[in-house]
């Protein structure tokens, strides 16, 4: 995802990991320029945010027969 900009000579890229709400708070306070997440930001009239889907990927779950049987009742 970041490969196209990694070769930019004057780019300073810092990555932070954290709780979604904390990252959005830092974004609102201009401590961050962008947040990459697995979900869109919630609607908030006090903060102007834009959401853009960057892509998607399939997810597969695997397990032993006993785990599958046990999880079938409550999963997902």
PDB file of N, CA and C in Angstrom:
ATOM      1  N   UNK A   1       0.819  -1.201   0.000  1.00  0.00           N
ATOM      2  CA  UNK A   1       0.000   0.000   0.000  1.00  0.00           C
ATOM      3  C   UNK A   1       0.860   1.263   0.000  1.00  0.00           C
ATOM      4  N   UNK A   2       1.916   1.244   0.751  1.00  0.00           N
ATOM      5  CA  UNK A   2       2.762   2.437   0.876  1.00  0.00           C
ATOM      6  C   UNK A   2       3.920   2.469  -0.121  1.00  0.00           C
ATOM      7  N   UNK A   3       4.122   1.407  -0.877  1.00  0.00           N
ATOM      8  CA  UNK A   3       5.260   1.300  -1.784  1.00  0.00           C
ATOM      9  C   UNK A   3       5.401   2.482  -2.742  1.00  0.00           C
ATOM     10  N   UNK A   4       4.327   3.015  -3.322  1.00  0.00           N
ATOM     11  CA  UNK A   4       4.504   4.123  -4.272  1.00  0.00           C
ATOM     12  C   UNK A   4       5.161   5.372  -3.684  1.00  0.00           C
ATOM     13  N   UNK A   5       5.027   5.614  -2.397  1.00  0.00           N
ATOM     14  CA  UNK A   5       5.599   6.830  -1.816  1.00  0.00           C
ATOM     15  C   UNK A   5       6.899   6.588  -1.059  1.00  0.00           C
ATOM     16  N   UNK A   6       7.295   5.345  -0.904  1.00  0.00           N
ATOM     17  CA  UNK A   6       8.477   5.047  -0.100  1.00  0.00           C
ATOM     18  C   UNK A   6       9.764   5.613  -0.697  1.00  0.00           C
ATOM     19  N   UNK A   7       9.807   5.830  -1.993  1.00  0.00           N
ATOM     20  CA  UNK A   7      11.011   6.353  -2.626  1.00  0.00           C
ATOM     21  C   UNK A   7      11.084   7.873  -2.685  1.00  0.00           C
ATOM     22  N   UNK A   8      10.089   8.559  -2.148  1.00  0.00           N
ATOM     23  CA  UNK A   8      10.102  10.026  -2.174  1.00  0.00           C
ATOM     24  C   UNK A   8      11.225  10.561  -1.288  1.00  0.00           C
ATOM     25  N   UNK A   9      12.124  11.405  -1.849  1.00  0.00           N
ATOM     26  CA  UNK A   9      13.306  11.824  -1.104  1.00  0.00           C
ATOM     27  C   UNK A   9      13.006  12.730   0.100  1.00  0.00           C
ATOM     28  N   UNK A  10      11.953  13.509   0.074  1.00  0.00           N
ATOM     29  CA  UNK A  10      11.692  14.459   1.163  1.00  0.00           C
ATOM     30  C   UNK A  10      10.494  14.044   2.020  1.00  0.00           C
ATOM     31  N   UNK A  11      10.173  12.774   1.991  1.00  0.00           N
ATOM     32  CA  UNK A  11       9.042  12.266   2.753  1.00  0.00           C
ATOM     33  C   UNK A  11       9.511  11.758   4.107  1.00  0.00           C
ATOM     34  N   UNK A  12       8.849  12.196   5.148  1.00  0.00           N
ATOM     35  CA  UNK A  12       9.105  11.682   6.494  1.00  0.00           C
ATOM     36  C   UNK A  12       7.854  10.924   6.905  1.00  0.00           C
ATOM     37  N   UNK A  13       7.960   9.628   7.006  1.00  0.00           N
ATOM     38  CA  UNK A  13       6.820   8.768   7.281  1.00  0.00           C
ATOM     39  C   UNK A  13       6.963   8.142   8.665  1.00  0.00           C
ATOM     40  N   UNK A  14       6.010   8.439   9.531  1.00  0.00           N
ATOM     41  CA  UNK A  14       5.964   7.855  10.868  1.00  0.00           C
ATOM     42  C   UNK A  14       4.672   7.063  10.983  1.00  0.00           C
ATOM     43  N   UNK A  15       4.760   5.851  11.459  1.00  0.00           N
ATOM     44  CA  UNK A  15       3.572   5.011  11.624  1.00  0.00           C
ATOM     45  C   UNK A  15       3.305   4.801  13.108  1.00  0.00           C
ATOM     46  N   UNK A  16       2.048   4.965  13.485  1.00  0.00           N
ATOM     47  CA  UNK A  16       1.614   4.769  14.862  1.00  0.00           C
ATOM     48  C   UNK A  16       0.514   3.722  14.873  1.00  0.00           C
ATOM     49  N   UNK A  17       0.501   2.903  15.890  1.00  0.00           N
ATOM     50  CA  UNK A  17      -0.536   1.903  16.071  1.00  0.00           C
ATOM     51  C   UNK A  17      -1.271   2.227  17.357  1.00  0.00           C
ATOM     52  N   UNK A  18      -2.597   2.092  17.343  1.00  0.00           N
ATOM     53  CA  UNK A  18      -3.342   2.387  18.555  1.00  0.00           C
ATOM     54  C   UNK A  18      -4.809   2.049  18.417  1.00  0.00           C
ATOM     55  N   UNK A  19      -5.547   2.380  19.455  1.00  0.00           N
ATOM     56  CA  UNK A  19      -6.992   2.175  19.438  1.00  0.00           C
ATOM     57  C   UNK A  19      -7.638   3.133  18.446  1.00  0.00           C
ATOM     58  N   UNK A  20      -8.656   2.655  17.759  1.00  0.00           N
ATOM     59  CA  UNK A  20      -9.315   3.413  16.700  1.00  0.00           C
ATOM     60  C   UNK A  20      -9.765   4.797  17.177  1.00  0.00           C
ATOM     61  N   UNK A  21     -10.475   4.852  18.298  1.00  0.00           N
ATOM     62  CA  UNK A  21     -10.981   6.133  18.793  1.00  0.00           C
ATOM     63  C   UNK A  21      -9.852   7.088  19.175  1.00  0.00           C
ATOM     64  N   UNK A  22      -8.775   6.551  19.739  1.00  0.00           N
ATOM     65  CA  UNK A  22      -7.626   7.393  20.093  1.00  0.00           C
ATOM     66  C   UNK A  22      -6.975   7.973  18.840  1.00  0.00           C
ATOM     67  N   UNK A  23      -6.846   7.147  17.801  1.00  0.00           N
ATOM     68  CA  UNK A  23      -6.251   7.627  16.551  1.00  0.00           C
ATOM     69  C   UNK A  23      -7.121   8.707  15.912  1.00  0.00           C
ATOM     70  N   UNK A  24      -8.438   8.515  15.947  1.00  0.00           N
ATOM     71  CA  UNK A  24      -9.331   9.546  15.401  1.00  0.00           C
ATOM     72  C   UNK A  24      -9.239  10.833  16.208  1.00  0.00           C
ATOM     73  N   UNK A  25      -9.080  10.720  17.511  1.00  0.00           N
ATOM     74  CA  UNK A  25      -8.890  11.900  18.347  1.00  0.00           C
ATOM     75  C   UNK A  25      -7.622  12.644  17.975  1.00  0.00           C
ATOM     76  N   UNK A  26      -6.531  11.902  17.757  1.00  0.00           N
ATOM     77  CA  UNK A  26      -5.274  12.527  17.333  1.00  0.00           C
ATOM     78  C   UNK A  26      -5.409  13.162  15.953  1.00  0.00           C
ATOM     79  N   UNK A  27      -6.189  12.545  15.090  1.00  0.00           N
ATOM     80  CA  UNK A  27      -6.437  13.112  13.765  1.00  0.00           C
ATOM     81  C   UNK A  27      -7.193  14.432  13.906  1.00  0.00           C
ATOM     82  N   UNK A  28      -8.208  14.458  14.751  1.00  0.00           N
ATOM     83  CA  UNK A  28      -9.001  15.667  14.964  1.00  0.00           C
ATOM     84  C   UNK A  28      -8.157  16.797  15.557  1.00  0.00           C
ATOM     85  N   UNK A  29      -7.156  16.443  16.365  1.00  0.00           N
ATOM     86  CA  UNK A  29      -6.285  17.442  16.984  1.00  0.00           C
ATOM     87  C   UNK A  29      -5.066  17.773  16.115  1.00  0.00           C
ATOM     88  N   UNK A  30      -5.048  17.259  14.893  1.00  0.00           N
ATOM     89  CA  UNK A  30      -3.974  17.501  13.921  1.00  0.00           C
ATOM     90  C   UNK A  30      -2.625  16.950  14.372  1.00  0.00           C
ATOM     91  N   UNK A  31      -2.660  15.917  15.210  1.00  0.00           N
ATOM     92  CA  UNK A  31      -1.429  15.224  15.587  1.00  0.00           C
ATOM     93  C   UNK A  31      -1.069  14.163  14.555  1.00  0.00           C
ATOM     94  N   UNK A  32      -2.070  13.753  13.754  1.00  0.00           N
ATOM     95  CA  UNK A  32      -1.882  12.800  12.662  1.00  0.00           C
ATOM     96  C   UNK A  32      -2.453  13.398  11.387  1.00  0.00           C
ATOM     97  N   UNK A  33      -1.903  12.982  10.257  1.00  0.00           N
ATOM     98  CA  UNK A  33      -2.400  13.446   8.962  1.00  0.00           C
ATOM     99  C   UNK A  33      -3.403  12.490   8.349  1.00  0.00           C
ATOM    100  N   UNK A  34      -3.302  11.211   8.683  1.00  0.00           N
ATOM    101  CA  UNK A  34      -4.187  10.199   8.094  1.00  0.00           C
ATOM    102  C   UNK A  34      -4.268   9.008   9.045  1.00  0.00           C
ATOM    103  N   UNK A  35      -5.405   8.314   9.018  1.00  0.00           N
ATOM    104  CA  UNK A  35      -5.589   7.078   9.774  1.00  0.00           C
ATOM    105  C   UNK A  35      -6.020   5.998   8.795  1.00  0.00           C
ATOM    106  N   UNK A  36      -5.286   4.892   8.772  1.00  0.00           N
ATOM    107  CA  UNK A  36      -5.660   3.726   7.976  1.00  0.00           C
ATOM    108  C   UNK A  36      -6.302   2.725   8.919  1.00  0.00           C
ATOM    109  N   UNK A  37      -7.504   2.287   8.586  1.00  0.00           N
ATOM    110  CA  UNK A  37      -8.252   1.432   9.491  1.00  0.00           C
ATOM    111  C   UNK A  37      -9.032   0.383   8.726  1.00  0.00           C
ATOM    112  N   UNK A  38      -9.537  -0.605   9.463  1.00  0.00           N
ATOM    113  CA  UNK A  38     -10.361  -1.643   8.861  1.00  0.00           C
ATOM    114  C   UNK A  38     -11.841  -1.286   8.855  1.00  0.00           C
ATOM    115  N   UNK A  39     -12.181  -0.078   9.280  1.00  0.00           N
ATOM    116  CA  UNK A  39     -13.581   0.362   9.300  1.00  0.00           C
ATOM    117  C   UNK A  39     -13.665   1.865   9.099  1.00  0.00           C
ATOM    118  N   UNK A  40     -14.809   2.351   8.635  1.00  0.00           N
ATOM    119  CA  UNK A  40     -14.961   3.793   8.445  1.00  0.00           C
ATOM    120  C   UNK A  40     -15.133   4.523   9.770  1.00  0.00           C
ATOM    121  N   UNK A  41     -14.807   5.788   9.761  1.00  0.00           N
ATOM    122  CA  UNK A  41     -15.012   6.626  10.944  1.00  0.00           C
ATOM    123  C   UNK A  41     -16.507   6.862  11.130  1.00  0.00           C
ATOM    124  N   UNK A  42     -16.967   6.904  12.371  1.00  0.00           N
ATOM    125  CA  UNK A  42     -18.382   7.164  12.609  1.00  0.00           C
ATOM    126  C   UNK A  42     -18.728   8.610  12.261  1.00  0.00           C
ATOM    127  N   UNK A  43     -19.981   8.843  11.954  1.00  0.00           N
ATOM    128  CA  UNK A  43     -20.419  10.204  11.669  1.00  0.00           C
ATOM    129  C   UNK A  43     -20.343  11.070  12.916  1.00  0.00           C
ATOM    130  N   UNK A  44     -19.814  12.255  12.777  1.00  0.00           N
ATOM    131  CA  UNK A  44     -19.693  13.187  13.897  1.00  0.00           C
ATOM    132  C   UNK A  44     -19.802  14.595  13.342  1.00  0.00           C
ATOM    133  N   UNK A  45     -20.807  15.313  13.772  1.00  0.00           N
ATOM    134  CA  UNK A  45     -21.036  16.663  13.252  1.00  0.00           C
ATOM    135  C   UNK A  45     -19.942  17.639  13.669  1.00  0.00           C
ATOM    136  N   UNK A  46     -19.198  17.341  14.732  1.00  0.00           N
ATOM    137  CA  UNK A  46     -18.163  18.256  15.221  1.00  0.00           C
ATOM    138  C   UNK A  46     -16.817  18.084  14.526  1.00  0.00           C
ATOM    139  N   UNK A  47     -16.625  16.972  13.842  1.00  0.00           N
ATOM    140  CA  UNK A  47     -15.348  16.696  13.182  1.00  0.00           C
ATOM    141  C   UNK A  47     -15.620  16.384  11.715  1.00  0.00           C
ATOM    142  N   UNK A  48     -14.929  17.063  10.828  1.00  0.00           N
ATOM    143  CA  UNK A  48     -15.087  16.819   9.398  1.00  0.00           C
ATOM    144  C   UNK A  48     -14.102  15.730   8.977  1.00  0.00           C
ATOM    145  N   UNK A  49     -14.619  14.532   8.707  1.00  0.00           N
ATOM    146  CA  UNK A  49     -13.796  13.401   8.308  1.00  0.00           C
ATOM    147  C   UNK A  49     -14.276  12.856   6.978  1.00  0.00           C
ATOM    148  N   UNK A  50     -13.356  12.277   6.224  1.00  0.00           N
ATOM    149  CA  UNK A  50     -13.685  11.640   4.951  1.00  0.00           C
ATOM    150  C   UNK A  50     -13.213  10.202   4.995  1.00  0.00           C
ATOM    151  N   UNK A  51     -14.053   9.304   4.511  1.00  0.00           N
ATOM    152  CA  UNK A  51     -13.721   7.884   4.448  1.00  0.00           C
ATOM    153  C   UNK A  51     -13.563   7.462   2.998  1.00  0.00           C
ATOM    154  N   UNK A  52     -12.531   6.689   2.718  1.00  0.00           N
ATOM    155  CA  UNK A  52     -12.304   6.155   1.379  1.00  0.00           C
ATOM    156  C   UNK A  52     -11.865   4.700   1.507  1.00  0.00           C
ATOM    157  N   UNK A  53     -12.598   3.798   0.876  1.00  0.00           N
ATOM    158  CA  UNK A  53     -12.188   2.393   0.862  1.00  0.00           C
ATOM    159  C   UNK A  53     -10.965   2.247  -0.037  1.00  0.00           C
ATOM    160  N   UNK A  54      -9.938   1.600   0.473  1.00  0.00           N
ATOM    161  CA  UNK A  54      -8.698   1.413  -0.291  1.00  0.00           C
ATOM    162  C   UNK A  54      -8.603   0.039  -0.912  1.00  0.00           C
ATOM    163  N   UNK A  55      -9.438  -0.876  -0.465  1.00  0.00           N
ATOM    164  CA  UNK A  55      -9.404  -2.226  -1.005  1.00  0.00           C
ATOM    165  C   UNK A  55     -10.104  -3.189  -0.067  1.00  0.00           C
ATOM    166  N   UNK A  56     -10.093  -4.434  -0.448  1.00  0.00           N
ATOM    167  CA  UNK A  56     -10.678  -5.477   0.389  1.00  0.00           C
ATOM    168  C   UNK A  56      -9.952  -6.782   0.114  1.00  0.00           C
ATOM    169  N   UNK A  57     -10.116  -7.723   1.017  1.00  0.00           N
ATOM    170  CA  UNK A  57      -9.516  -9.036   0.823  1.00  0.00           C
ATOM    171  C   UNK A  57     -10.390 -10.074   1.508  1.00  0.00           C
ATOM    172  N   UNK A  58     -10.420 -11.282   0.955  1.00  0.00           N
ATOM    173  CA  UNK A  58     -11.218 -12.337   1.578  1.00  0.00           C
ATOM    174  C   UNK A  58     -10.562 -12.831   2.859  1.00  0.00           C
ATOM    175  N   UNK A  59     -11.366 -13.388   3.733  1.00  0.00           N
ATOM    176  CA  UNK A  59     -10.875 -13.965   4.981  1.00  0.00           C
ATOM    177  C   UNK A  59     -11.360 -15.403   5.048  1.00  0.00           C
ATOM    178  N   UNK A  60     -10.482 -16.305   5.375  1.00  0.00           N
ATOM    179  CA  UNK A  60     -10.832 -17.722   5.523  1.00  0.00           C
ATOM    180  C   UNK A  60     -10.501 -18.166   6.934  1.00  0.00           C
ATOM    181  N   UNK A  61     -11.325 -19.053   7.463  1.00  0.00           N
ATOM    182  CA  UNK A  61     -11.105 -19.610   8.799  1.00  0.00           C
ATOM    183  C   UNK A  61     -10.859 -21.103   8.668  1.00  0.00           C
ATOM    184  N   UNK A  62      -9.880 -21.611   9.390  1.00  0.00           N
ATOM    185  CA  UNK A  62      -9.532 -23.024   9.353  1.00  0.00           C
ATOM    186  C   UNK A  62      -9.444 -23.560  10.777  1.00  0.00           C
ATOM    187  N   UNK A  63      -9.791 -24.824  10.932  1.00  0.00           N
ATOM    188  CA  UNK A  63      -9.675 -25.436  12.249  1.00  0.00           C
ATOM    189  C   UNK A  63      -9.832 -26.937  12.146  1.00  0.00           C
ATOM    190  N   UNK A  64      -9.498 -27.586  13.230  1.00  0.00           N
ATOM    191  CA  UNK A  64      -9.681 -29.029  13.278  1.00  0.00           C
ATOM    192  C   UNK A  64     -11.171 -29.341  13.301  1.00  0.00           C
ATOM    193  N   UNK A  65     -11.520 -30.567  13.001  1.00  0.00           N
ATOM    194  CA  UNK A  65     -12.930 -30.965  12.969  1.00  0.00           C
ATOM    195  C   UNK A  65     -13.622 -30.673  14.296  1.00  0.00           C
ATOM    196  N   UNK A  66     -12.944 -30.913  15.404  1.00  0.00           N
ATOM    197  CA  UNK A  66     -13.560 -30.674  16.717  1.00  0.00           C
ATOM    198  C   UNK A  66     -13.780 -29.181  16.967  1.00  0.00           C
ATOM    199  N   UNK A  67     -12.850 -28.334  16.551  1.00  0.00           N
ATOM    200  CA  UNK A  67     -13.030 -26.888  16.707  1.00  0.00           C
ATOM    201  C   UNK A  67     -14.169 -26.378  15.826  1.00  0.00           C
ATOM    202  N   UNK A  68     -14.239 -26.874  14.612  1.00  0.00           N
ATOM    203  CA  UNK A  68     -15.309 -26.460  13.702  1.00  0.00           C
ATOM    204  C   UNK A  68     -16.663 -26.834  14.283  1.00  0.00           C
ATOM    205  N   UNK A  69     -16.764 -28.040  14.803  1.00  0.00           N
ATOM    206  CA  UNK A  69     -18.016 -28.511  15.378  1.00  0.00           C
ATOM    207  C   UNK A  69     -18.405 -27.653  16.592  1.00  0.00           C
ATOM    208  N   UNK A  70     -17.453 -27.361  17.439  1.00  0.00           N
ATOM    209  CA  UNK A  70     -17.713 -26.566  18.641  1.00  0.00           C
ATOM    210  C   UNK A  70     -18.095 -25.124  18.293  1.00  0.00           C
ATOM    211  N   UNK A  71     -17.476 -24.564  17.264  1.00  0.00           N
ATOM    212  CA  UNK A  71     -17.710 -23.165  16.918  1.00  0.00           C
ATOM    213  C   UNK A  71     -18.950 -22.964  16.058  1.00  0.00           C
ATOM    214  N   UNK A  72     -19.436 -24.008  15.419  1.00  0.00           N
ATOM    215  CA  UNK A  72     -20.551 -23.886  14.492  1.00  0.00           C
ATOM    216  C   UNK A  72     -21.781 -23.235  15.125  1.00  0.00           C
ATOM    217  N   UNK A  73     -22.026 -23.518  16.378  1.00  0.00           N
ATOM    218  CA  UNK A  73     -23.215 -23.017  17.059  1.00  0.00           C
ATOM    219  C   UNK A  73     -23.125 -21.503  17.320  1.00  0.00           C
ATOM    220  N   UNK A  74     -21.934 -20.977  17.565  1.00  0.00           N
ATOM    221  CA  UNK A  74     -21.776 -19.582  17.966  1.00  0.00           C
ATOM    222  C   UNK A  74     -20.949 -18.737  16.997  1.00  0.00           C
ATOM    223  N   UNK A  75     -20.617 -19.258  15.846  1.00  0.00           N
ATOM    224  CA  UNK A  75     -19.684 -18.542  14.975  1.00  0.00           C
ATOM    225  C   UNK A  75     -20.337 -18.219  13.649  1.00  0.00           C
ATOM    226  N   UNK A  76     -20.129 -17.058  13.103  1.00  0.00           N
ATOM    227  CA  UNK A  76     -19.336 -15.958  13.621  1.00  0.00           C
ATOM    228  C   UNK A  76     -20.083 -15.158  14.655  1.00  0.00           C
TER     229      UNK A  76
END
